[in-house]
Amino acid sequence: MRRLIFALLTAAGLGLWFFVTPAGLYLSAALLAAAMVSAAENLADKPEVRVSYDELFPKKGHAPVLTFGGSKTLRGRVLCENLLTGERCAIDTEIKKDRTLALPAQKDCGRLLIRFVQFSRYDILGLTRRTAVCYAEDVITVMPDKAEVTAVLDRAAGEEELEGAREYTEGEQLRHINFKLTHRFGRLYLNTYAPEKSGAVVLFGDYGLGEDTAAAAEFLCSLAEGLSAAGIAFGLALPEGGDRVKLTKNISPEDAVIQILHTEMYKGESLLAELLRQAGDDVQIFAATKNRTLSDDRVTYIDF
């Protein structure tokens, strides 16, 4: 459309020059000169366009904003894929003065793979087009919300084992009453417990989580932070492609969160059996998996 308008204006200037006044020739010449300068600048400029993000670690529900470098008009398609869940979207866009593009609000956590397809750059008059190479050096990782993990943390710290009983002391909470001794002696007795020693704790995110992948990953991330806050060391096991499991025996909560959110877990066959072959006997595995067919004392299936 812009080319058509420019051609009509140039033709009108030539018409004025031919039929009415020499000023029409100057008008046509000025239009052609402007077009040539604009086109030369567009063709001479580097084709690379750097893209930056408003946040690298936004919370779930945030709509990440992309900012494109340069000043010339850009047209193209942005493809966004959540590598954790497999969710995809495509946005056809035109970048002008404000240089920004807002992606849809992210309903799931995970790493976002953003690609720029068929982008072209136009000169200020919109007459010449050149392929633009858009790129971003950083990665967007959508962080999860906090999940309630108290019950799982209790299991990770070890079950309580009945140790004995003692007489009630005034002011204590009336929990774990020993009814047998209370009835026998006519005085209130309470059970006493000792923590049962537990083996190494391993968090496991399985393949094949399907539409529940984001919820499982969110819970695992929250559990990792909760274990760390409770002073409990833990390991992490995640799929590593094919039928392999990557087992890290001791990991920080920060590294655990990043690895969980950057791992595809929505498809594939369960690898729980493979992990059990790798893990030792003295280990507690807290598994986010849909494979509940294996009965093993080392595995605690977590609901997410």
C-alpha atoms as a PDB file:
ATOM      1  CA  MET A   1       0.000   0.000   0.000  1.00  0.00           C
ATOM      2  CA  ARG A   2       2.783   2.440   0.877  1.00  0.00           C
ATOM      3  CA  ARG A   3       4.556   1.660  -2.367  1.00  0.00           C
ATOM      4  CA  LEU A   4       1.355   2.331  -4.283  1.00  0.00           C
ATOM      5  CA  ILE A   5       0.844   5.669  -2.512  1.00  0.00           C
ATOM      6  CA  PHE A   6       4.469   6.645  -3.165  1.00  0.00           C
ATOM      7  CA  ALA A   7       4.126   5.726  -6.845  1.00  0.00           C
ATOM      8  CA  LEU A   8       0.914   7.769  -7.138  1.00  0.00           C
ATOM      9  CA  LEU A   9       2.558  10.814  -5.516  1.00  0.00           C
ATOM     10  CA  THR A  10       5.545  10.567  -7.818  1.00  0.00           C
ATOM     11  CA  ALA A  11       3.275  10.217 -10.847  1.00  0.00           C
ATOM     12  CA  ALA A  12       1.241  13.206  -9.679  1.00  0.00           C
ATOM     13  CA  GLY A  13       4.415  15.301  -9.408  1.00  0.00           C
ATOM     14  CA  LEU A  14       5.474  14.329 -12.916  1.00  0.00           C
ATOM     15  CA  GLY A  15       1.978  15.139 -14.154  1.00  0.00           C
ATOM     16  CA  LEU A  16       2.139  18.582 -12.578  1.00  0.00           C
ATOM     17  CA  TRP A  17       5.533  19.172 -14.193  1.00  0.00           C
ATOM     18  CA  PHE A  18       4.362  18.050 -17.616  1.00  0.00           C
ATOM     19  CA  PHE A  19       0.986  19.827 -17.698  1.00  0.00           C
ATOM     20  CA  VAL A  20       1.074  22.666 -15.149  1.00  0.00           C
ATOM     21  CA  THR A  21       4.291  23.781 -13.476  1.00  0.00           C
ATOM     22  CA  PRO A  22       7.988  22.849 -13.239  1.00  0.00           C
ATOM     23  CA  ALA A  23       7.525  22.579  -9.469  1.00  0.00           C
ATOM     24  CA  GLY A  24       6.053  19.128 -10.052  1.00  0.00           C
ATOM     25  CA  LEU A  25       9.463  17.927 -11.247  1.00  0.00           C
ATOM     26  CA  TYR A  26      11.070  19.123  -8.019  1.00  0.00           C
ATOM     27  CA  LEU A  27       8.416  17.303  -6.016  1.00  0.00           C
ATOM     28  CA  SER A  28       9.016  14.042  -7.861  1.00  0.00           C
ATOM     29  CA  ALA A  29      12.778  14.412  -7.530  1.00  0.00           C
ATOM     30  CA  ALA A  30      12.495  15.060  -3.798  1.00  0.00           C
ATOM     31  CA  LEU A  31      10.335  11.964  -3.337  1.00  0.00           C
ATOM     32  CA  LEU A  32      12.753   9.794  -5.291  1.00  0.00           C
ATOM     33  CA  ALA A  33      15.734  11.178  -3.357  1.00  0.00           C
ATOM     34  CA  ALA A  34      14.037  10.480  -0.027  1.00  0.00           C
ATOM     35  CA  ALA A  35      13.212   6.954  -1.127  1.00  0.00           C
ATOM     36  CA  MET A  36      16.797   6.310  -2.215  1.00  0.00           C
ATOM     37  CA  VAL A  37      18.277   7.625   1.053  1.00  0.00           C
ATOM     38  CA  SER A  38      15.796   5.662   3.145  1.00  0.00           C
ATOM     39  CA  ALA A  39      16.433   2.472   1.180  1.00  0.00           C
ATOM     40  CA  ALA A  40      20.215   2.898   1.312  1.00  0.00           C
ATOM     41  CA  GLU A  41      20.124   3.346   5.091  1.00  0.00           C
ATOM     42  CA  ASN A  42      17.953   0.272   5.532  1.00  0.00           C
ATOM     43  CA  LEU A  43      20.130  -1.915   3.317  1.00  0.00           C
ATOM     44  CA  ALA A  44      23.384  -0.681   4.845  1.00  0.00           C
ATOM     45  CA  ASP A  45      22.340  -1.218   8.470  1.00  0.00           C
ATOM     46  CA  LYS A  46      23.205  -4.528  10.202  1.00  0.00           C
ATOM     47  CA  PRO A  47      20.427  -7.113   9.980  1.00  0.00           C
ATOM     48  CA  GLU A  48      20.764  -8.271  13.626  1.00  0.00           C
ATOM     49  CA  VAL A  49      18.144  -7.075  16.126  1.00  0.00           C
ATOM     50  CA  ARG A  50      18.700  -7.808  19.801  1.00  0.00           C
ATOM     51  CA  VAL A  51      15.671  -8.680  21.910  1.00  0.00           C
ATOM     52  CA  SER A  52      15.591  -8.281  25.692  1.00  0.00           C
ATOM     53  CA  TYR A  53      13.054  -9.338  28.334  1.00  0.00           C
ATOM     54  CA  ASP A  54      11.498  -7.312  31.140  1.00  0.00           C
ATOM     55  CA  GLU A  55      12.057 -10.209  33.559  1.00  0.00           C
ATOM     56  CA  LEU A  56      14.169 -13.351  33.352  1.00  0.00           C
ATOM     57  CA  PHE A  57      12.396 -15.080  36.259  1.00  0.00           C
ATOM     58  CA  PRO A  58       8.778 -13.880  36.236  1.00  0.00           C
ATOM     59  CA  LYS A  59       6.157 -15.440  38.468  1.00  0.00           C
ATOM     60  CA  LYS A  60       3.420 -17.627  37.054  1.00  0.00           C
ATOM     61  CA  GLY A  61       0.585 -15.460  35.721  1.00  0.00           C
ATOM     62  CA  HIS A  62       2.937 -12.742  34.442  1.00  0.00           C
ATOM     63  CA  ALA A  63       2.837 -11.694  30.784  1.00  0.00           C
ATOM     64  CA  PRO A  64       6.519 -11.418  29.720  1.00  0.00           C
ATOM     65  CA  VAL A  65       7.330  -8.318  27.662  1.00  0.00           C
ATOM     66  CA  LEU A  66       9.862  -8.454  24.806  1.00  0.00           C
ATOM     67  CA  THR A  67      11.707  -5.290  23.790  1.00  0.00           C
ATOM     68  CA  PHE A  68      13.208  -5.104  20.296  1.00  0.00           C
ATOM     69  CA  GLY A  69      16.313  -3.045  19.581  1.00  0.00           C
ATOM     70  CA  GLY A  70      16.647  -0.566  16.730  1.00  0.00           C
ATOM     71  CA  SER A  71      14.156   1.969  15.444  1.00  0.00           C
ATOM     72  CA  LYS A  72      12.857   0.608  12.136  1.00  0.00           C
ATOM     73  CA  THR A  73       9.552  -1.157  11.680  1.00  0.00           C
ATOM     74  CA  LEU A  74       9.694  -4.934  12.064  1.00  0.00           C
ATOM     75  CA  ARG A  75       7.141  -7.501  10.976  1.00  0.00           C
ATOM     76  CA  GLY A  76       7.253 -11.201  11.684  1.00  0.00           C
ATOM     77  CA  ARG A  77       6.087 -14.089  13.864  1.00  0.00           C
ATOM     78  CA  VAL A  78       7.097 -14.949  17.421  1.00  0.00           C
ATOM     79  CA  LEU A  79       6.857 -18.605  18.472  1.00  0.00           C
ATOM     80  CA  CYS A  80       6.795 -19.395  22.195  1.00  0.00           C
ATOM     81  CA  GLU A  81       7.054 -22.901  23.643  1.00  0.00           C
ATOM     82  CA  ASN A  82       7.074 -23.970  27.275  1.00  0.00           C
ATOM     83  CA  LEU A  83       9.694 -26.730  27.326  1.00  0.00           C
ATOM     84  CA  LEU A  84       8.339 -28.104  30.583  1.00  0.00           C
ATOM     85  CA  THR A  85       4.722 -28.588  29.494  1.00  0.00           C
ATOM     86  CA  GLY A  86       4.954 -28.456  25.695  1.00  0.00           C
ATOM     87  CA  GLU A  87       2.434 -25.580  25.506  1.00  0.00           C
ATOM     88  CA  ARG A  88       2.919 -23.477  22.338  1.00  0.00           C
ATOM     89  CA  CYS A  89       1.648 -20.227  20.887  1.00  0.00           C
ATOM     90  CA  ALA A  90       2.348 -18.140  17.758  1.00  0.00           C
ATOM     91  CA  ILE A  91       2.000 -14.348  17.519  1.00  0.00           C
ATOM     92  CA  ASP A  92       2.093 -12.329  14.304  1.00  0.00           C
ATOM     93  CA  THR A  93       3.365  -8.882  15.224  1.00  0.00           C
ATOM     94  CA  GLU A  94       4.421  -5.484  13.898  1.00  0.00           C
ATOM     95  CA  ILE A  95       7.000  -3.651  15.990  1.00  0.00           C
ATOM     96  CA  LYS A  96       6.928   0.140  15.638  1.00  0.00           C
ATOM     97  CA  LYS A  97       7.816   3.036  17.930  1.00  0.00           C
ATOM     98  CA  ASP A  98       7.222   1.450  21.349  1.00  0.00           C
ATOM     99  CA  ARG A  99       9.426  -1.567  20.371  1.00  0.00           C
ATOM    100  CA  THR A 100       7.633  -3.941  22.742  1.00  0.00           C
ATOM    101  CA  LEU A 101       5.565  -7.108  22.467  1.00  0.00           C
ATOM    102  CA  ALA A 102       3.695  -8.687  25.397  1.00  0.00           C
ATOM    103  CA  LEU A 103       3.416 -12.472  25.358  1.00  0.00           C
ATOM    104  CA  PRO A 104       0.267 -14.114  26.768  1.00  0.00           C
ATOM    105  CA  ALA A 105       0.070 -14.388  30.551  1.00  0.00           C
ATOM    106  CA  GLN A 106       1.837 -17.613  31.535  1.00  0.00           C
ATOM    107  CA  LYS A 107      -0.503 -20.010  33.316  1.00  0.00           C
ATOM    108  CA  ASP A 108       2.246 -22.599  33.901  1.00  0.00           C
ATOM    109  CA  CYS A 109       5.788 -22.472  35.207  1.00  0.00           C
ATOM    110  CA  GLY A 110       8.705 -23.663  33.081  1.00  0.00           C
ATOM    111  CA  ARG A 111      11.385 -22.536  30.652  1.00  0.00           C
ATOM    112  CA  LEU A 112      10.193 -20.583  27.609  1.00  0.00           C
ATOM    113  CA  LEU A 113      11.808 -21.217  24.240  1.00  0.00           C
ATOM    114  CA  ILE A 114      11.210 -18.096  22.111  1.00  0.00           C
ATOM    115  CA  ARG A 115      11.922 -18.077  18.377  1.00  0.00           C
ATOM    116  CA  PHE A 116      11.631 -15.280  15.829  1.00  0.00           C
ATOM    117  CA  VAL A 117      10.407 -16.417  12.409  1.00  0.00           C
ATOM    118  CA  GLN A 118      10.239 -14.561   9.066  1.00  0.00           C
ATOM    119  CA  PHE A 119      11.097 -11.167  10.514  1.00  0.00           C
ATOM    120  CA  SER A 120      11.607  -8.331   8.047  1.00  0.00           C
ATOM    121  CA  ARG A 121      12.790  -4.767   8.595  1.00  0.00           C
ATOM    122  CA  TYR A 122      11.345  -1.817   6.657  1.00  0.00           C
ATOM    123  CA  ASP A 123      12.776   1.622   5.999  1.00  0.00           C
ATOM    124  CA  ILE A 124      11.134   4.741   7.365  1.00  0.00           C
ATOM    125  CA  LEU A 125       8.980   5.140   4.244  1.00  0.00           C
ATOM    126  CA  GLY A 126       8.026   1.471   4.241  1.00  0.00           C
ATOM    127  CA  LEU A 127       9.248   0.966   0.667  1.00  0.00           C
ATOM    128  CA  THR A 128      12.178  -1.456   1.059  1.00  0.00           C
ATOM    129  CA  ARG A 129      12.285  -4.670   3.031  1.00  0.00           C
ATOM    130  CA  ARG A 130      15.229  -6.569   4.436  1.00  0.00           C
ATOM    131  CA  THR A 131      15.369  -9.817   6.403  1.00  0.00           C
ATOM    132  CA  ALA A 132      15.994  -9.158  10.099  1.00  0.00           C
ATOM    133  CA  VAL A 133      17.698 -11.643  12.418  1.00  0.00           C
ATOM    134  CA  CYS A 134      16.155 -11.247  15.870  1.00  0.00           C
ATOM    135  CA  TYR A 135      17.907 -12.906  18.790  1.00  0.00           C
ATOM    136  CA  ALA A 136      17.918 -12.930  22.598  1.00  0.00           C
ATOM    137  CA  GLU A 137      20.879 -13.978  24.708  1.00  0.00           C
ATOM    138  CA  ASP A 138      18.850 -14.734  27.841  1.00  0.00           C
ATOM    139  CA  VAL A 139      16.210 -17.304  28.776  1.00  0.00           C
ATOM    140  CA  ILE A 140      12.852 -16.700  30.447  1.00  0.00           C
ATOM    141  CA  THR A 141      12.078 -19.088  33.290  1.00  0.00           C
ATOM    142  CA  VAL A 142       8.557 -18.773  34.691  1.00  0.00           C
ATOM    143  CA  MET A 143       8.782 -19.459  38.423  1.00  0.00           C
ATOM    144  CA  PRO A 144       6.120 -21.411  40.337  1.00  0.00           C
ATOM    145  CA  ASP A 145       3.907 -20.384  43.211  1.00  0.00           C
ATOM    146  CA  LYS A 146       4.530 -21.790  46.657  1.00  0.00           C
ATOM    147  CA  ALA A 147       2.819 -25.107  47.330  1.00  0.00           C
ATOM    148  CA  GLU A 148       1.784 -26.582  50.662  1.00  0.00           C
ATOM    149  CA  VAL A 149       4.429 -29.196  51.454  1.00  0.00           C
ATOM    150  CA  THR A 150       4.209 -29.572  55.232  1.00  0.00           C
ATOM    151  CA  ALA A 151       2.983 -33.166  55.155  1.00  0.00           C
ATOM    152  CA  VAL A 152       5.677 -34.247  52.716  1.00  0.00           C
ATOM    153  CA  LEU A 153       8.371 -32.477  54.750  1.00  0.00           C
ATOM    154  CA  ASP A 154       7.272 -34.426  57.804  1.00  0.00           C
ATOM    155  CA  ARG A 155       7.772 -37.661  55.910  1.00  0.00           C
ATOM    156  CA  ALA A 156      11.127 -36.497  54.581  1.00  0.00           C
ATOM    157  CA  ALA A 157      12.333 -35.688  58.094  1.00  0.00           C
ATOM    158  CA  GLY A 158      11.407 -39.184  59.217  1.00  0.00           C
ATOM    159  CA  GLU A 159       8.363 -40.827  60.759  1.00  0.00           C
ATOM    160  CA  GLU A 160       7.967 -40.792  64.531  1.00  0.00           C
ATOM    161  CA  GLU A 161       8.463 -44.132  66.244  1.00  0.00           C
ATOM    162  CA  LEU A 162       6.692 -44.946  69.516  1.00  0.00           C
ATOM    163  CA  GLU A 163       9.299 -44.864  72.260  1.00  0.00           C
ATOM    164  CA  GLY A 164       7.302 -45.148  75.494  1.00  0.00           C
ATOM    165  CA  ALA A 165       4.915 -43.243  77.711  1.00  0.00           C
ATOM    166  CA  ARG A 166       5.086 -40.762  80.588  1.00  0.00           C
ATOM    167  CA  GLU A 167       2.723 -39.046  82.958  1.00  0.00           C
ATOM    168  CA  TYR A 168       1.050 -35.852  81.829  1.00  0.00           C
ATOM    169  CA  THR A 169       2.520 -32.546  83.035  1.00  0.00           C
ATOM    170  CA  GLU A 170       0.207 -29.596  83.600  1.00  0.00           C
ATOM    171  CA  GLY A 171       0.179 -27.164  80.689  1.00  0.00           C
ATOM    172  CA  GLU A 172       1.069 -29.721  77.997  1.00  0.00           C
ATOM    173  CA  GLN A 173      -1.070 -30.201  74.941  1.00  0.00           C
ATOM    174  CA  LEU A 174      -3.302 -33.255  75.161  1.00  0.00           C
ATOM    175  CA  ARG A 175      -1.998 -35.091  72.142  1.00  0.00           C
ATOM    176  CA  HIS A 176      -1.123 -38.798  71.781  1.00  0.00           C
ATOM    177  CA  ILE A 177      -2.941 -39.904  74.941  1.00  0.00           C
ATOM    178  CA  ASN A 178      -2.076 -43.455  76.063  1.00  0.00           C
ATOM    179  CA  PHE A 179      -5.565 -44.631  76.985  1.00  0.00           C
ATOM    180  CA  LYS A 180      -4.415 -48.007  78.245  1.00  0.00           C
ATOM    181  CA  LEU A 181      -2.070 -46.581  80.909  1.00  0.00           C
ATOM    182  CA  THR A 182      -4.474 -43.761  81.740  1.00  0.00           C
ATOM    183  CA  HIS A 183      -7.248 -46.261  82.458  1.00  0.00           C
ATOM    184  CA  ARG A 184      -4.914 -48.571  84.394  1.00  0.00           C
ATOM    185  CA  PHE A 185      -3.436 -45.988  86.760  1.00  0.00           C
ATOM    186  CA  GLY A 186      -6.213 -43.435  86.835  1.00  0.00           C
ATOM    187  CA  ARG A 187      -3.838 -40.665  85.804  1.00  0.00           C
ATOM    188  CA  LEU A 188      -3.273 -39.090  82.406  1.00  0.00           C
ATOM    189  CA  TYR A 189      -0.405 -40.614  80.404  1.00  0.00           C
ATOM    190  CA  LEU A 190       0.987 -39.483  77.059  1.00  0.00           C
ATOM    191  CA  ASN A 191       2.877 -41.477  74.466  1.00  0.00           C
ATOM    192  CA  THR A 192       6.428 -40.343  73.698  1.00  0.00           C
ATOM    193  CA  TYR A 193       8.007 -40.628  70.287  1.00  0.00           C
ATOM    194  CA  ALA A 194      11.517 -40.653  68.859  1.00  0.00           C
ATOM    195  CA  PRO A 195      12.254 -39.649  65.267  1.00  0.00           C
ATOM    196  CA  GLU A 196      12.955 -42.582  63.042  1.00  0.00           C
ATOM    197  CA  LYS A 197      16.228 -42.181  61.170  1.00  0.00           C
ATOM    198  CA  SER A 198      15.730 -41.837  57.445  1.00  0.00           C
ATOM    199  CA  GLY A 199      17.984 -42.382  54.488  1.00  0.00           C
ATOM    200  CA  ALA A 200      19.011 -39.910  51.817  1.00  0.00           C
ATOM    201  CA  VAL A 201      16.138 -37.955  50.292  1.00  0.00           C
ATOM    202  CA  VAL A 202      15.754 -37.836  46.499  1.00  0.00           C
ATOM    203  CA  LEU A 203      13.139 -35.809  44.630  1.00  0.00           C
ATOM    204  CA  PHE A 204      12.054 -37.362  41.348  1.00  0.00           C
ATOM    205  CA  GLY A 205      10.163 -35.820  38.429  1.00  0.00           C
ATOM    206  CA  ASP A 206       9.075 -38.535  36.009  1.00  0.00           C
ATOM    207  CA  TYR A 207       8.281 -38.661  32.316  1.00  0.00           C
ATOM    208  CA  GLY A 208       4.673 -38.881  31.187  1.00  0.00           C
ATOM    209  CA  LEU A 209       3.127 -36.318  33.551  1.00  0.00           C
ATOM    210  CA  GLY A 210       0.967 -34.950  30.728  1.00  0.00           C
ATOM    211  CA  GLU A 211      -1.297 -32.033  31.563  1.00  0.00           C
ATOM    212  CA  ASP A 212      -0.256 -32.241  35.225  1.00  0.00           C
ATOM    213  CA  THR A 213       3.395 -31.456  34.462  1.00  0.00           C
ATOM    214  CA  ALA A 214       3.294 -27.845  35.644  1.00  0.00           C
ATOM    215  CA  ALA A 215       1.568 -28.745  38.917  1.00  0.00           C
ATOM    216  CA  ALA A 216       4.091 -31.522  39.590  1.00  0.00           C
ATOM    217  CA  ALA A 217       7.058 -29.277  38.797  1.00  0.00           C
ATOM    218  CA  GLU A 218       5.639 -26.525  40.980  1.00  0.00           C
ATOM    219  CA  PHE A 219       5.284 -28.899  43.899  1.00  0.00           C
ATOM    220  CA  LEU A 220       8.801 -30.299  43.439  1.00  0.00           C
ATOM    221  CA  CYS A 221      10.264 -26.781  43.412  1.00  0.00           C
ATOM    222  CA  SER A 222       8.402 -25.845  46.562  1.00  0.00           C
ATOM    223  CA  LEU A 223       9.448 -29.108  48.196  1.00  0.00           C
ATOM    224  CA  ALA A 224      13.091 -28.445  47.330  1.00  0.00           C
ATOM    225  CA  GLU A 225      12.949 -25.035  48.997  1.00  0.00           C
ATOM    226  CA  GLY A 226      11.091 -26.458  51.988  1.00  0.00           C
ATOM    227  CA  LEU A 227      13.623 -29.241  52.524  1.00  0.00           C
ATOM    228  CA  SER A 228      16.455 -26.736  52.374  1.00  0.00           C
ATOM    229  CA  ALA A 229      14.728 -24.453  54.883  1.00  0.00           C
ATOM    230  CA  ALA A 230      14.292 -27.443  57.216  1.00  0.00           C
ATOM    231  CA  GLY A 231      18.000 -28.231  56.953  1.00  0.00           C
ATOM    232  CA  ILE A 232      17.447 -31.511  55.103  1.00  0.00           C
ATOM    233  CA  ALA A 233      19.940 -32.327  52.354  1.00  0.00           C
ATOM    234  CA  PHE A 234      18.422 -33.885  49.254  1.00  0.00           C
ATOM    235  CA  GLY A 235      19.189 -35.154  45.794  1.00  0.00           C
ATOM    236  CA  LEU A 236      17.356 -34.738  42.503  1.00  0.00           C
ATOM    237  CA  ALA A 237      16.525 -37.266  39.792  1.00  0.00           C
ATOM    238  CA  LEU A 238      15.201 -36.181  36.395  1.00  0.00           C
ATOM    239  CA  PRO A 239      14.868 -37.679  32.908  1.00  0.00           C
ATOM    240  CA  GLU A 240      17.926 -37.128  30.739  1.00  0.00           C
ATOM    241  CA  GLY A 241      16.537 -38.147  27.362  1.00  0.00           C
ATOM    242  CA  GLY A 242      15.576 -41.596  26.148  1.00  0.00           C
ATOM    243  CA  ASP A 243      15.538 -44.124  28.981  1.00  0.00           C
ATOM    244  CA  ARG A 244      18.186 -42.473  31.174  1.00  0.00           C
ATOM    245  CA  VAL A 245      17.816 -40.816  34.553  1.00  0.00           C
ATOM    246  CA  LYS A 246      20.196 -38.146  35.813  1.00  0.00           C
ATOM    247  CA  LEU A 247      20.653 -38.545  39.565  1.00  0.00           C
ATOM    248  CA  THR A 248      22.350 -35.704  41.473  1.00  0.00           C
ATOM    249  CA  LYS A 249      22.906 -36.868  45.051  1.00  0.00           C
ATOM    250  CA  ASN A 250      23.318 -33.458  46.674  1.00  0.00           C
ATOM    251  CA  ILE A 251      21.951 -30.285  45.118  1.00  0.00           C
ATOM    252  CA  SER A 252      21.135 -26.734  46.171  1.00  0.00           C
ATOM    253  CA  PRO A 253      17.493 -25.603  46.030  1.00  0.00           C
ATOM    254  CA  GLU A 254      18.371 -22.939  43.439  1.00  0.00           C
ATOM    255  CA  ASP A 255      19.955 -25.461  41.074  1.00  0.00           C
ATOM    256  CA  ALA A 256      17.126 -27.917  41.714  1.00  0.00           C
ATOM    257  CA  VAL A 257      14.458 -25.367  40.736  1.00  0.00           C
ATOM    258  CA  ILE A 258      16.229 -24.452  37.493  1.00  0.00           C
ATOM    259  CA  GLN A 259      16.794 -28.088  36.509  1.00  0.00           C
ATOM    260  CA  ILE A 260      13.180 -29.024  37.256  1.00  0.00           C
ATOM    261  CA  LEU A 261      11.765 -26.138  35.230  1.00  0.00           C
ATOM    262  CA  HIS A 262      14.106 -26.801  32.290  1.00  0.00           C
ATOM    263  CA  THR A 263      13.253 -30.511  31.912  1.00  0.00           C
ATOM    264  CA  GLU A 264      10.582 -31.877  29.577  1.00  0.00           C
ATOM    265  CA  MET A 265       8.376 -34.141  31.679  1.00  0.00           C
ATOM    266  CA  TYR A 266       5.044 -33.974  29.887  1.00  0.00           C
ATOM    267  CA  LYS A 267       5.695 -36.860  27.507  1.00  0.00           C
ATOM    268  CA  GLY A 268       7.543 -40.183  27.359  1.00  0.00           C
ATOM    269  CA  GLU A 269       7.429 -43.434  29.327  1.00  0.00           C
ATOM    270  CA  SER A 270       7.886 -43.593  33.098  1.00  0.00           C
ATOM    271  CA  LEU A 271      11.488 -43.940  34.315  1.00  0.00           C
ATOM    272  CA  LEU A 272      10.712 -44.803  37.930  1.00  0.00           C
ATOM    273  CA  ALA A 273      11.864 -48.406  37.489  1.00  0.00           C
ATOM    274  CA  GLU A 274      15.172 -47.173  36.049  1.00  0.00           C
ATOM    275  CA  LEU A 275      15.685 -44.841  39.012  1.00  0.00           C
ATOM    276  CA  LEU A 276      15.039 -47.669  41.462  1.00  0.00           C
ATOM    277  CA  ARG A 277      17.777 -49.669  39.746  1.00  0.00           C
ATOM    278  CA  GLN A 278      20.220 -46.802  40.201  1.00  0.00           C
ATOM    279  CA  ALA A 279      19.276 -45.775  43.736  1.00  0.00           C
ATOM    280  CA  GLY A 280      20.709 -47.462  46.803  1.00  0.00           C
ATOM    281  CA  ASP A 281      18.733 -49.322  49.441  1.00  0.00           C
ATOM    282  CA  ASP A 282      18.932 -46.576  52.084  1.00  0.00           C
ATOM    283  CA  VAL A 283      17.111 -43.845  50.192  1.00  0.00           C
ATOM    284  CA  GLN A 284      13.737 -42.120  50.284  1.00  0.00           C
ATOM    285  CA  ILE A 285      12.364 -41.240  46.874  1.00  0.00           C
ATOM    286  CA  PHE A 286       9.587 -38.678  46.703  1.00  0.00           C
ATOM    287  CA  ALA A 287       8.183 -39.285  43.233  1.00  0.00           C
ATOM    288  CA  ALA A 288       6.034 -36.983  41.124  1.00  0.00           C
ATOM    289  CA  THR A 289       4.819 -39.641  38.720  1.00  0.00           C
ATOM    290  CA  LYS A 290       1.695 -41.165  37.267  1.00  0.00           C
ATOM    291  CA  ASN A 291       3.232 -44.627  37.465  1.00  0.00           C
ATOM    292  CA  ARG A 292       1.775 -46.048  40.685  1.00  0.00           C
ATOM    293  CA  THR A 293       2.254 -49.708  39.726  1.00  0.00           C
ATOM    294  CA  LEU A 294       5.565 -50.213  41.544  1.00  0.00           C
ATOM    295  CA  SER A 295       5.417 -51.225  45.195  1.00  0.00           C
ATOM    296  CA  ASP A 296       8.699 -50.289  46.846  1.00  0.00           C
ATOM    297  CA  ASP A 297       9.321 -49.137  50.407  1.00  0.00           C
ATOM    298  CA  ARG A 298      11.778 -46.552  49.113  1.00  0.00           C
ATOM    299  CA  VAL A 299       9.108 -44.678  47.126  1.00  0.00           C
ATOM    300  CA  THR A 300       6.627 -42.160  48.467  1.00  0.00           C
ATOM    301  CA  TYR A 301       4.171 -41.055  45.800  1.00  0.00           C
ATOM    302  CA  ILE A 302       3.365 -37.364  46.143  1.00  0.00           C
ATOM    303  CA  ASP A 303       0.070 -35.855  45.090  1.00  0.00           C
ATOM    304  CA  PHE A 304       0.437 -32.589  43.235  1.00  0.00           C
END
